[in-house]
Amino acid sequence: MKKLIAIVLLVLMGVTLTACATNKSTAPDYSSAAKFEQALNNHTDVTGKTVEFTVNEYITGGFLPYNIHAGDHLNFGSNLKPKEDIKVGQTLEVKVLGASGSGGIWIINYTDLKVVEK
């Protein structure tokens, strides 16, 4: 009976440690809007990269139905309403699907938006 309890405890500890290991967050590829905007201005391919930024303004119903403005010239745009309640000053992280720019103004398509707790 003691051996059975010991085996069950070892299995539970292994499952717990595995769950903790898989929940580790990774650092974003770009930790600020400024670093991300610099990469865009340098013509760096940012597709598939993650970027963390602070919301300067959240605009709905414009050219981009849901536009999260960050940095100097970044517009994280989507046709789909974010599941999260977006607020000015909030820190967000997204995965970049693509970016296009004209005149130094960037429109970034994204996925996997999440609020970063600081």
Protein backbone atom coordinates (compact mmCIF):
# COMPACT_ATOMS: atom_id res chain seq x y z
CA MET A 1 0.00 0.00 0.00
CA LYS A 2 2.86 2.40 0.84
CA LYS A 3 4.45 1.70 -2.55
CA LEU A 4 1.19 2.51 -4.31
CA ILE A 5 0.86 5.81 -2.46
CA ALA A 6 4.49 6.65 -3.26
CA ILE A 7 3.93 5.92 -6.98
CA VAL A 8 0.75 8.02 -7.09
CA LEU A 9 2.56 10.92 -5.37
CA LEU A 10 5.47 10.71 -7.84
CA VAL A 11 3.08 10.73 -10.79
CA LEU A 12 1.20 13.73 -9.38
CA MET A 13 4.46 15.61 -8.78
CA GLY A 14 5.56 14.88 -12.35
CA VAL A 15 2.27 16.16 -13.77
CA THR A 16 2.46 19.29 -11.63
CA LEU A 17 6.04 20.06 -12.68
CA THR A 18 5.18 19.49 -16.34
CA ALA A 19 2.21 21.85 -16.10
CA CYS A 20 4.38 24.53 -14.51
CA ALA A 21 7.02 24.18 -17.20
CA THR A 22 4.50 24.59 -20.03
CA ASN A 23 2.99 27.74 -18.49
CA LYS A 24 6.24 29.71 -18.62
CA SER A 25 5.82 32.85 -20.63
CA THR A 26 8.44 33.82 -23.13
CA ALA A 27 9.75 37.29 -23.70
CA PRO A 28 8.32 39.09 -26.73
CA ASP A 29 10.54 39.57 -29.78
CA TYR A 30 9.99 43.34 -29.42
CA SER A 31 9.49 44.64 -25.88
CA SER A 32 8.31 48.12 -26.86
CA ALA A 33 6.54 50.01 -29.62
CA ALA A 34 9.71 52.03 -30.25
CA LYS A 35 11.85 48.93 -30.86
CA PHE A 36 9.17 47.44 -33.10
CA GLU A 37 8.75 50.66 -35.08
CA GLN A 38 12.51 50.88 -35.54
CA ALA A 39 12.53 47.34 -36.96
CA LEU A 40 9.72 48.26 -39.37
CA ASN A 41 11.54 51.42 -40.47
CA ASN A 42 14.67 49.29 -41.08
CA HIS A 43 12.60 46.98 -43.35
CA THR A 44 12.96 44.01 -40.99
CA ASP A 45 10.56 41.12 -41.66
CA VAL A 46 8.43 41.06 -38.52
CA THR A 47 5.93 38.41 -39.65
CA GLY A 48 5.38 35.87 -36.88
CA LYS A 49 7.15 37.99 -34.28
CA THR A 50 5.58 39.06 -30.99
CA VAL A 51 5.48 42.66 -29.86
CA GLU A 52 4.57 44.19 -26.52
CA PHE A 53 3.30 47.76 -26.48
CA THR A 54 1.31 50.30 -24.51
CA VAL A 55 -2.04 51.49 -25.86
CA ASN A 56 -1.99 55.22 -26.70
CA GLU A 57 -5.49 55.29 -28.17
CA TYR A 58 -8.23 52.82 -29.07
CA ILE A 59 -10.42 53.84 -32.00
CA THR A 60 -13.49 51.99 -33.22
CA GLY A 61 -15.55 52.56 -36.34
CA GLY A 62 -12.84 54.24 -38.42
CA PHE A 63 -10.91 53.14 -41.50
CA LEU A 64 -9.76 50.19 -39.42
CA PRO A 65 -12.87 49.02 -37.55
CA TYR A 66 -10.78 48.30 -34.44
CA ASN A 67 -7.56 50.30 -34.31
CA ILE A 68 -5.13 50.18 -31.40
CA HIS A 69 -2.68 53.06 -31.72
CA ALA A 70 0.76 52.68 -30.15
CA GLY A 71 4.16 54.29 -30.41
CA ASP A 72 4.52 57.22 -32.78
CA HIS A 73 3.03 55.71 -35.95
CA LEU A 74 1.77 52.20 -35.19
CA ASN A 75 -1.81 51.15 -35.88
CA PHE A 76 -2.66 47.61 -34.83
CA GLY A 77 -5.77 47.12 -36.94
CA SER A 78 -8.41 44.44 -37.11
CA ASN A 79 -11.84 43.88 -38.60
CA LEU A 80 -12.70 41.74 -35.56
CA LYS A 81 -13.50 43.22 -32.17
CA PRO A 82 -10.89 42.15 -29.61
CA LYS A 83 -12.19 39.81 -26.91
CA GLU A 84 -10.40 41.89 -24.30
CA ASP A 85 -11.62 45.27 -23.10
CA ILE A 86 -8.93 47.59 -24.52
CA LYS A 87 -7.98 50.61 -22.39
CA VAL A 88 -5.54 53.48 -22.88
CA GLY A 89 -2.35 52.86 -20.89
CA GLN A 90 -2.80 49.09 -20.95
CA THR A 91 0.09 46.87 -22.03
CA LEU A 92 -0.74 44.36 -24.77
CA GLU A 93 1.11 41.66 -26.63
CA VAL A 94 0.28 40.47 -30.14
CA LYS A 95 1.68 38.15 -32.78
CA VAL A 96 2.27 39.98 -36.05
CA LEU A 97 0.64 38.58 -39.19
CA GLY A 98 1.94 41.35 -41.43
CA ALA A 99 2.70 45.04 -41.63
CA SER A 100 2.42 47.65 -44.34
CA GLY A 101 3.44 51.25 -44.26
CA SER A 102 3.30 54.49 -46.15
CA GLY A 103 4.80 57.81 -45.15
CA GLY A 104 6.12 56.33 -41.90
CA ILE A 105 2.68 55.23 -40.73
CA TRP A 106 2.34 51.50 -40.14
CA ILE A 107 -0.72 49.27 -40.21
CA ILE A 108 -0.12 45.98 -38.46
CA ASN A 109 -2.35 42.93 -38.79
CA TYR A 110 -2.12 40.74 -35.74
CA THR A 111 -3.44 37.71 -33.91
CA ASP A 112 -3.22 36.31 -30.39
CA LEU A 113 -3.86 39.60 -28.58
CA LYS A 114 -3.39 39.32 -24.84
CA VAL A 115 -3.26 41.73 -21.94
CA VAL A 116 0.11 41.77 -20.18
CA GLU A 117 -0.12 42.01 -16.39
CA LYS A 118 2.68 44.14 -14.97
